[in-house]
């Protein structure tokens, strides 16, 4: 936990160890890949995951009893900021060295469900996808969900579709939210295997280096025991996962922007135009200064949300503030860094154009900026009532 205006010794050690790991183990391996490669090849992934286990940062959010590092939300934010500071870091932090995304709502399930789904995934270093967003809308999922699950004897039958779903490449299963009755409290969560009868998926090409997926449920059959949590309480599970995830999401965006600013700062000191370094130009100085100020503000907002989460306080509003400000700040900072680099800023030789594309998605994912502004405003307007 942070101590006043400084990180504790423990958090400094955590930050520095991840920073060193990224520079020593991830970036050199990443430089050997094709320019827009989204992932490490299997052999390299196994190498870095072995190192990640040895570092003690294997599945940072997972309880120790199931093989994870069980870090606090604050510590997860520290890791996320540092682990994202490389070319593929926006959507593949640390290149998968610390494991992949696991929908933590699985730990709200039964012991049998955890043993069947979570434990093998953690042991193998794989992921679990989360199916919420639908073609009918993603900003208000509790009301927009039209995918339906109907009980039929000893099984559930799911029909519908989901879009923009990540991590299918590394998943053997996922958590799917489907309507079992009307209204906001009519959503139920289900565990769905990727080889379940009636389940399929297709890539959706987007501006980042790899494609999210469209999920199709055509009379998809799953056993009754794959219902996760109580019937009709699925969205409460989803909210828990989404709120916590926004903290690390924000921290990861900050990390990308920090990496970009560091590169731009060094370049500005070396690049000479009109007989003096770029760093001597006031326009460049102000870009760098404004970027640093915004990043510090974004970091503190993110840390506040993490701090409140670890104290067991309500942090939904703080998570929205952090997600909103960090994603928009990261976009502005990287845009300035592209400008400082000029033509080289849009060259694939440097990571800026990739970060520029991928950060643009971050203002939509995990709730678009406009929805978070609505949530923040609503919370403020409700105060004192």
Protein backbone atom coordinates (compact mmCIF):
# COMPACT_ATOMS: atom_id res chain seq x y z
CA UNK A 1 0.00 0.00 0.00
CA UNK A 2 1.16 3.57 -0.58
CA UNK A 3 2.44 5.38 2.48
CA UNK A 4 1.43 9.04 2.39
CA UNK A 5 2.96 10.52 -0.78
CA UNK A 6 5.41 7.68 -1.33
CA UNK A 7 5.19 4.01 -2.18
CA UNK A 8 6.06 1.60 0.58
CA UNK A 9 9.39 -0.24 0.30
CA UNK A 10 7.44 -3.36 -0.65
CA UNK A 11 5.68 -1.59 -3.53
CA UNK A 12 8.93 -0.01 -4.74
CA UNK A 13 10.54 -3.46 -4.85
CA UNK A 14 7.53 -4.82 -6.75
CA UNK A 15 7.59 -1.95 -9.24
CA UNK A 16 11.33 -2.20 -9.82
CA UNK A 17 11.31 -5.99 -10.23
CA UNK A 18 8.59 -5.83 -12.89
CA UNK A 19 10.34 -2.91 -14.62
CA UNK A 20 13.59 -4.87 -14.73
CA UNK A 21 11.80 -8.00 -15.96
CA UNK A 22 10.17 -6.14 -18.88
CA UNK A 23 13.46 -4.54 -19.95
CA UNK A 24 15.55 -7.70 -19.58
CA UNK A 25 13.20 -10.52 -20.59
CA UNK A 26 10.33 -9.14 -22.67
CA UNK A 27 11.58 -6.27 -24.84
CA UNK A 28 14.63 -8.15 -26.26
CA UNK A 29 12.43 -11.12 -27.21
CA UNK A 30 9.77 -8.82 -28.61
CA UNK A 31 12.29 -7.16 -30.92
CA UNK A 32 12.80 -10.50 -32.69
CA UNK A 33 9.13 -10.70 -33.74
CA UNK A 34 7.42 -9.37 -36.84
CA UNK A 35 6.53 -5.70 -36.48
CA UNK A 36 2.84 -6.14 -35.65
CA UNK A 37 3.02 -9.55 -33.97
CA UNK A 38 0.34 -9.77 -31.24
CA UNK A 39 1.81 -12.69 -29.28
CA UNK A 40 4.97 -14.63 -28.59
CA UNK A 41 5.29 -17.99 -30.35
CA UNK A 42 4.56 -20.96 -28.10
CA UNK A 43 8.18 -21.76 -27.27
CA UNK A 44 8.96 -18.17 -26.28
CA UNK A 45 5.74 -17.89 -24.30
CA UNK A 46 6.67 -20.97 -22.30
CA UNK A 47 10.09 -19.44 -21.59
CA UNK A 48 8.73 -16.16 -20.26
CA UNK A 49 5.93 -17.81 -18.33
CA UNK A 50 8.49 -19.96 -16.53
CA UNK A 51 10.33 -16.77 -15.62
CA UNK A 52 7.10 -15.12 -14.52
CA UNK A 53 6.36 -18.01 -12.17
CA UNK A 54 9.86 -17.75 -10.72
CA UNK A 55 9.36 -14.03 -10.14
CA UNK A 56 6.29 -14.81 -8.03
CA UNK A 57 3.87 -12.91 -10.25
CA UNK A 58 1.86 -15.79 -11.65
CA UNK A 59 -1.81 -14.74 -12.03
CA UNK A 60 -1.50 -11.72 -9.78
CA UNK A 61 -5.20 -11.49 -8.91
CA UNK A 62 -5.79 -15.20 -8.17
CA UNK A 63 -5.92 -16.52 -4.57
CA UNK A 64 -2.78 -18.35 -3.44
CA UNK A 65 -4.70 -21.55 -2.71
CA UNK A 66 -5.36 -21.88 -6.44
CA UNK A 67 -1.82 -21.09 -7.57
CA UNK A 68 -1.94 -17.31 -7.92
CA UNK A 69 0.03 -14.44 -6.39
CA UNK A 70 -3.04 -12.98 -4.64
CA UNK A 71 -1.83 -9.39 -4.88
CA UNK A 72 -3.87 -6.50 -3.52
CA UNK A 73 -5.69 -4.32 -6.03
CA UNK A 74 -3.09 -1.61 -5.39
CA UNK A 75 -0.24 -4.01 -6.12
CA UNK A 76 -2.06 -5.20 -9.25
CA UNK A 77 -2.15 -1.59 -10.45
CA UNK A 78 1.60 -1.24 -9.86
CA UNK A 79 2.24 -4.42 -11.86
CA UNK A 80 -0.15 -3.41 -14.66
CA UNK A 81 1.54 -0.04 -15.22
CA UNK A 82 5.01 -1.56 -15.47
CA UNK A 83 4.02 -4.74 -17.35
CA UNK A 84 2.42 -2.76 -20.19
CA UNK A 85 5.56 -0.80 -21.08
CA UNK A 86 6.53 -2.61 -24.25
CA UNK A 87 5.29 -2.78 -27.82
CA UNK A 88 2.56 -5.41 -27.40
CA UNK A 89 1.82 -4.30 -23.85
CA UNK A 90 -1.56 -2.67 -24.41
CA UNK A 91 -3.34 -5.99 -24.93
CA UNK A 92 -0.69 -8.53 -23.98
CA UNK A 93 1.02 -7.17 -20.88
CA UNK A 94 4.40 -8.78 -20.16
CA UNK A 95 3.79 -10.90 -23.24
CA UNK A 96 1.71 -13.30 -21.14
CA UNK A 97 4.58 -13.98 -18.76
CA UNK A 98 2.35 -13.47 -15.72
CA UNK A 99 -0.52 -15.51 -17.15
CA UNK A 100 -3.57 -14.31 -19.04
CA UNK A 101 -6.91 -12.83 -18.15
CA UNK A 102 -9.00 -15.01 -15.88
CA UNK A 103 -12.61 -13.99 -15.17
CA UNK A 104 -12.36 -13.80 -11.41
CA UNK A 105 -16.09 -14.36 -10.97
CA UNK A 106 -15.18 -18.05 -11.28
CA UNK A 107 -14.10 -17.82 -7.63
CA UNK A 108 -17.71 -17.00 -6.75
CA UNK A 109 -18.63 -20.44 -8.04
CA UNK A 110 -18.67 -23.83 -6.38
CA UNK A 111 -15.55 -25.67 -5.35
CA UNK A 112 -16.20 -28.17 -8.15
CA UNK A 113 -16.42 -25.38 -10.74
CA UNK A 114 -13.19 -23.80 -9.52
CA UNK A 115 -11.36 -27.13 -9.60
CA UNK A 116 -12.69 -28.01 -13.06
CA UNK A 117 -12.17 -24.66 -14.77
CA UNK A 118 -9.91 -22.25 -12.89
CA UNK A 119 -7.21 -24.55 -11.53
CA UNK A 120 -6.23 -26.23 -14.85
CA UNK A 121 -6.26 -22.85 -16.59
CA UNK A 122 -3.84 -21.40 -14.04
CA UNK A 123 -1.58 -24.46 -14.23
CA UNK A 124 -1.42 -24.27 -18.04
CA UNK A 125 -1.02 -20.48 -18.22
CA UNK A 126 -4.16 -20.03 -20.29
CA UNK A 127 -7.15 -17.66 -20.16
CA UNK A 128 -10.90 -17.57 -19.79
CA UNK A 129 -13.02 -15.35 -22.04
CA UNK A 130 -15.89 -13.16 -20.83
CA UNK A 131 -19.03 -12.90 -22.99
CA UNK A 132 -21.05 -9.79 -22.15
CA UNK A 133 -21.18 -7.34 -25.09
CA UNK A 134 -23.78 -7.97 -27.79
CA UNK A 135 -24.62 -6.42 -31.18
CA UNK A 136 -27.63 -4.78 -29.49
CA UNK A 137 -25.28 -2.70 -27.32
CA UNK A 138 -22.48 -2.93 -24.80
CA UNK A 139 -22.73 0.30 -22.81
CA UNK A 140 -25.80 -0.91 -20.88
CA UNK A 141 -25.28 -4.68 -20.83
CA UNK A 142 -27.86 -5.50 -18.16
CA UNK A 143 -30.63 -4.20 -20.39
CA UNK A 144 -29.05 -4.82 -23.81
CA UNK A 145 -28.43 -8.55 -23.35
CA UNK A 146 -30.71 -10.52 -25.65
CA UNK A 147 -28.86 -13.84 -25.67
CA UNK A 148 -31.21 -16.23 -23.90
CA UNK A 149 -30.74 -19.36 -21.83
CA UNK A 150 -33.67 -21.73 -21.38
CA UNK A 151 -33.67 -24.69 -19.04
CA UNK A 152 -34.40 -28.00 -20.75
CA UNK A 153 -34.34 -30.99 -18.42
CA UNK A 154 -30.79 -31.52 -17.19
CA UNK A 155 -29.24 -28.81 -19.38
CA UNK A 156 -29.42 -25.17 -20.40
CA UNK A 157 -29.93 -24.19 -24.06
CA UNK A 158 -28.33 -20.88 -25.05
CA UNK A 159 -29.18 -18.92 -28.21
CA UNK A 160 -27.78 -15.57 -29.31
CA UNK A 161 -24.47 -13.88 -29.97
CA UNK A 162 -21.73 -11.75 -28.42
CA UNK A 163 -19.24 -9.42 -30.10
CA UNK A 164 -15.76 -7.97 -29.45
CA UNK A 165 -14.77 -10.79 -27.12
CA UNK A 166 -11.05 -11.19 -26.34
CA UNK A 167 -8.78 -14.06 -25.30
CA UNK A 168 -10.41 -16.88 -27.30
CA UNK A 169 -6.94 -17.81 -28.59
CA UNK A 170 -5.89 -18.81 -25.08
CA UNK A 171 -9.20 -20.02 -23.67
CA UNK A 172 -10.72 -23.45 -23.12
CA UNK A 173 -13.81 -21.94 -21.49
CA UNK A 174 -15.43 -18.65 -20.61
CA UNK A 175 -18.16 -16.97 -18.59
CA UNK A 176 -21.22 -16.05 -20.67
CA UNK A 177 -24.02 -13.80 -19.47
CA UNK A 178 -27.46 -14.67 -20.83
CA UNK A 179 -31.03 -13.65 -20.12
CA UNK A 180 -33.11 -16.13 -18.14
CA UNK A 181 -35.95 -13.70 -17.32
CA UNK A 182 -36.91 -10.09 -18.00
CA UNK A 183 -35.43 -7.00 -16.40
CA UNK A 184 -32.08 -6.01 -14.95
CA UNK A 185 -32.20 -8.92 -12.53
CA UNK A 186 -32.91 -11.42 -15.26
CA UNK A 187 -29.27 -12.12 -16.23
CA UNK A 188 -27.55 -15.38 -15.28
CA UNK A 189 -23.87 -16.35 -15.69
CA UNK A 190 -22.84 -19.63 -17.27
CA UNK A 191 -19.58 -21.51 -17.76
CA UNK A 192 -19.25 -22.43 -21.43
CA UNK A 193 -16.57 -24.71 -22.89
CA UNK A 194 -15.22 -23.67 -26.29
CA UNK A 195 -16.08 -27.15 -27.59
CA UNK A 196 -19.66 -27.07 -26.27
CA UNK A 197 -22.25 -28.27 -28.83
CA UNK A 198 -23.71 -25.30 -30.68
CA UNK A 199 -20.92 -22.86 -29.79
CA UNK A 200 -18.69 -21.23 -32.43
CA UNK A 201 -16.83 -17.97 -33.02
CA UNK A 202 -15.49 -15.79 -35.83
CA UNK A 203 -12.80 -13.06 -35.88
CA UNK A 204 -13.81 -9.39 -36.14
CA UNK A 205 -10.98 -7.43 -37.81
CA UNK A 206 -10.31 -4.14 -36.00
CA UNK A 207 -7.55 -1.51 -35.90
CA UNK A 208 -5.39 -3.33 -33.36
CA UNK A 209 -2.92 -6.10 -34.22
CA UNK A 210 -5.27 -9.00 -33.46
CA UNK A 211 -8.97 -9.61 -33.75
CA UNK A 212 -11.61 -9.95 -31.05
CA UNK A 213 -14.31 -12.51 -31.76
CA UNK A 214 -18.00 -12.81 -32.44
CA UNK A 215 -19.47 -15.64 -30.38
CA UNK A 216 -22.42 -17.60 -31.78
CA UNK A 217 -24.74 -19.74 -29.66
CA UNK A 218 -26.97 -21.92 -31.80
CA UNK A 219 -28.90 -24.14 -29.42
CA UNK A 220 -25.70 -24.35 -27.40
CA UNK A 221 -26.06 -27.03 -24.74
CA UNK A 222 -24.42 -26.80 -21.32
CA UNK A 223 -25.12 -28.90 -18.21
CA UNK A 224 -27.12 -27.48 -15.30
CA UNK A 225 -24.06 -27.52 -13.07
CA UNK A 226 -22.42 -24.93 -15.36
CA UNK A 227 -24.68 -22.20 -14.02
CA UNK A 228 -22.38 -19.81 -12.14
CA UNK A 229 -23.94 -18.27 -9.05
CA UNK A 230 -27.63 -17.82 -8.49
CA UNK A 231 -30.12 -17.54 -11.34
CA UNK A 232 -30.85 -13.89 -12.11
CA UNK A 233 -27.79 -12.64 -10.22
CA UNK A 234 -25.33 -12.74 -13.09
CA UNK A 235 -25.05 -9.01 -13.57
CA UNK A 236 -24.03 -8.53 -9.94
CA UNK A 237 -21.16 -10.92 -10.64
CA UNK A 238 -20.31 -9.02 -13.84
CA UNK A 239 -20.26 -5.68 -12.04
CA UNK A 240 -17.82 -7.00 -9.44
CA UNK A 241 -15.45 -8.21 -12.14
CA UNK A 242 -15.79 -5.10 -14.30
CA UNK A 243 -15.30 -2.60 -11.47
CA UNK A 244 -12.12 -4.25 -10.20
CA UNK A 245 -10.75 -4.76 -13.69
CA UNK A 246 -11.06 -1.06 -14.51
CA UNK A 247 -8.30 -0.22 -12.04
CA UNK A 248 -5.66 -2.36 -13.75
CA UNK A 249 -7.09 -1.33 -17.13
CA UNK A 250 -6.42 2.31 -16.26
CA UNK A 251 -2.95 1.52 -14.91
CA UNK A 252 -2.01 -0.34 -18.08
CA UNK A 253 -2.95 2.66 -20.22
CA UNK A 254 -0.80 4.89 -18.02
CA UNK A 255 2.11 2.50 -18.51
CA UNK A 256 1.88 2.68 -22.30
CA UNK A 257 1.85 6.48 -22.16
CA UNK A 258 4.81 6.55 -19.74
CA UNK A 259 6.83 4.37 -22.12
CA UNK A 260 5.91 6.64 -25.04
CA UNK A 261 6.84 9.79 -23.14
CA UNK A 262 10.20 8.35 -22.09
CA UNK A 263 11.03 7.60 -25.73
CA UNK A 264 9.86 11.04 -26.88
CA UNK A 265 11.84 12.81 -24.15
CA UNK A 266 15.07 11.03 -25.14
CA UNK A 267 14.44 11.67 -28.83
CA UNK A 268 13.79 15.37 -28.21
CA UNK A 269 17.19 15.71 -26.55
CA UNK A 270 18.98 14.02 -29.47
CA UNK A 271 17.09 15.29 -32.52
CA UNK A 272 18.53 18.56 -33.88
CA UNK A 273 16.46 20.91 -36.03
CA UNK A 274 17.34 24.49 -36.97
CA UNK A 275 20.72 23.94 -35.27
CA UNK A 276 19.32 23.17 -31.80
CA UNK A 277 17.80 20.09 -30.16
CA UNK A 278 14.01 19.68 -30.25
CA UNK A 279 14.15 19.80 -26.45
CA UNK A 280 15.10 23.49 -26.66
CA UNK A 281 11.84 24.36 -28.44
CA UNK A 282 9.12 25.66 -26.16
CA UNK A 283 6.40 23.87 -28.12
CA UNK A 284 8.10 20.54 -27.44
CA UNK A 285 8.79 21.41 -23.80
CA UNK A 286 5.12 22.15 -23.22
CA UNK A 287 4.06 18.88 -24.84
CA UNK A 288 6.38 16.99 -22.50
CA UNK A 289 5.37 19.02 -19.44
CA UNK A 290 1.63 18.70 -20.07
CA UNK A 291 2.02 14.98 -20.62
CA UNK A 292 3.90 14.49 -17.35
CA UNK A 293 1.32 16.47 -15.37
CA UNK A 294 -1.58 14.50 -16.82
CA UNK A 295 0.10 11.16 -16.24
CA UNK A 296 0.80 11.96 -12.60
CA UNK A 297 -2.82 12.97 -12.12
CA UNK A 298 -4.05 9.78 -13.83
CA UNK A 299 -1.79 7.65 -11.66
CA UNK A 300 -3.05 9.20 -8.44
CA UNK A 301 -6.67 8.76 -9.49
CA UNK A 302 -5.96 5.12 -10.26
CA UNK A 303 -4.16 4.60 -6.96
CA UNK A 304 -7.07 6.17 -5.10
CA UNK A 305 -9.49 3.66 -6.63
CA UNK A 306 -7.13 0.79 -5.80
CA UNK A 307 -6.60 2.04 -2.25
CA UNK A 308 -10.34 2.24 -1.60
CA UNK A 309 -10.85 -1.23 -3.10
CA UNK A 310 -8.27 -2.72 -0.74
CA UNK A 311 -9.89 -0.99 2.24
CA UNK A 312 -13.18 -2.66 1.39
CA UNK A 313 -14.83 0.68 0.60
CA UNK A 314 -17.10 1.40 -2.33
CA UNK A 315 -14.86 2.32 -5.26
CA UNK A 316 -17.16 2.08 -8.26
CA UNK A 317 -17.14 5.85 -8.81
CA UNK A 318 -13.37 6.09 -8.34
CA UNK A 319 -12.84 3.22 -10.79
CA UNK A 320 -14.94 5.06 -13.38
CA UNK A 321 -12.97 8.28 -12.80
CA UNK A 322 -9.66 6.44 -13.14
CA UNK A 323 -10.72 4.56 -16.25
CA UNK A 324 -12.07 7.70 -17.92
CA UNK A 325 -9.12 9.95 -17.15
CA UNK A 326 -6.35 7.39 -17.70
CA UNK A 327 -7.59 6.22 -21.10
CA UNK A 328 -8.15 9.74 -22.40
CA UNK A 329 -4.84 10.95 -20.98
CA UNK A 330 -2.95 8.05 -22.56
CA UNK A 331 -4.48 8.90 -25.94
CA UNK A 332 -3.43 12.54 -25.64
CA UNK A 333 0.08 11.71 -24.48
CA UNK A 334 0.79 9.18 -27.23
CA UNK A 335 -0.61 11.60 -29.80
CA UNK A 336 1.86 14.25 -28.59
CA UNK A 337 4.70 11.71 -28.75
CA UNK A 338 3.81 10.88 -32.35
CA UNK A 339 4.01 14.61 -33.11
CA UNK A 340 7.41 14.95 -31.44
CA UNK A 341 8.78 12.07 -33.53
CA UNK A 342 7.25 13.51 -36.70
CA UNK A 343 7.31 11.12 -39.64
CA UNK A 344 9.05 8.44 -37.61
CA UNK A 345 6.15 8.58 -35.18
CA UNK A 346 3.87 6.88 -37.69
CA UNK A 347 6.50 4.41 -38.87
CA UNK A 348 6.09 0.80 -37.79
CA UNK A 349 9.76 0.87 -36.86
CA UNK A 350 8.63 2.53 -33.63
CA UNK A 351 5.77 1.42 -31.37
CA UNK A 352 3.87 4.73 -31.38
CA UNK A 353 1.52 4.02 -34.26
CA UNK A 354 0.58 0.67 -32.71
CA UNK A 355 0.02 2.24 -29.31
CA UNK A 356 -1.99 5.00 -31.00
CA UNK A 357 -4.32 2.45 -32.61
CA UNK A 358 -4.66 0.23 -29.59
CA UNK A 359 -5.20 3.02 -27.06
CA UNK A 360 -8.03 4.35 -29.19
CA UNK A 361 -9.93 1.18 -28.37
CA UNK A 362 -9.32 1.68 -24.66
CA UNK A 363 -11.67 4.69 -24.65
CA UNK A 364 -14.45 2.29 -25.67
CA UNK A 365 -13.56 -0.97 -23.90
CA UNK A 366 -14.62 -1.47 -20.26
CA UNK A 367 -17.31 1.15 -20.81
CA UNK A 368 -16.96 4.12 -23.18
CA UNK A 369 -15.93 7.50 -21.81
CA UNK A 370 -19.44 8.92 -22.20
CA UNK A 371 -20.97 6.21 -20.01
CA UNK A 372 -18.38 6.77 -17.28
CA UNK A 373 -19.09 10.50 -17.38
CA UNK A 374 -22.78 9.69 -16.98
CA UNK A 375 -22.02 7.41 -14.01
CA UNK A 376 -19.78 10.00 -12.34
CA UNK A 377 -22.29 12.79 -12.83
CA UNK A 378 -25.17 10.64 -11.56
CA UNK A 379 -23.23 9.77 -8.42
CA UNK A 380 -22.44 13.43 -7.74
CA UNK A 381 -26.01 14.54 -8.36
CA UNK A 382 -27.34 11.86 -6.02
CA UNK A 383 -25.16 13.06 -3.11
CA UNK A 384 -27.13 14.62 -0.31
CA UNK A 385 -30.48 13.21 -1.41
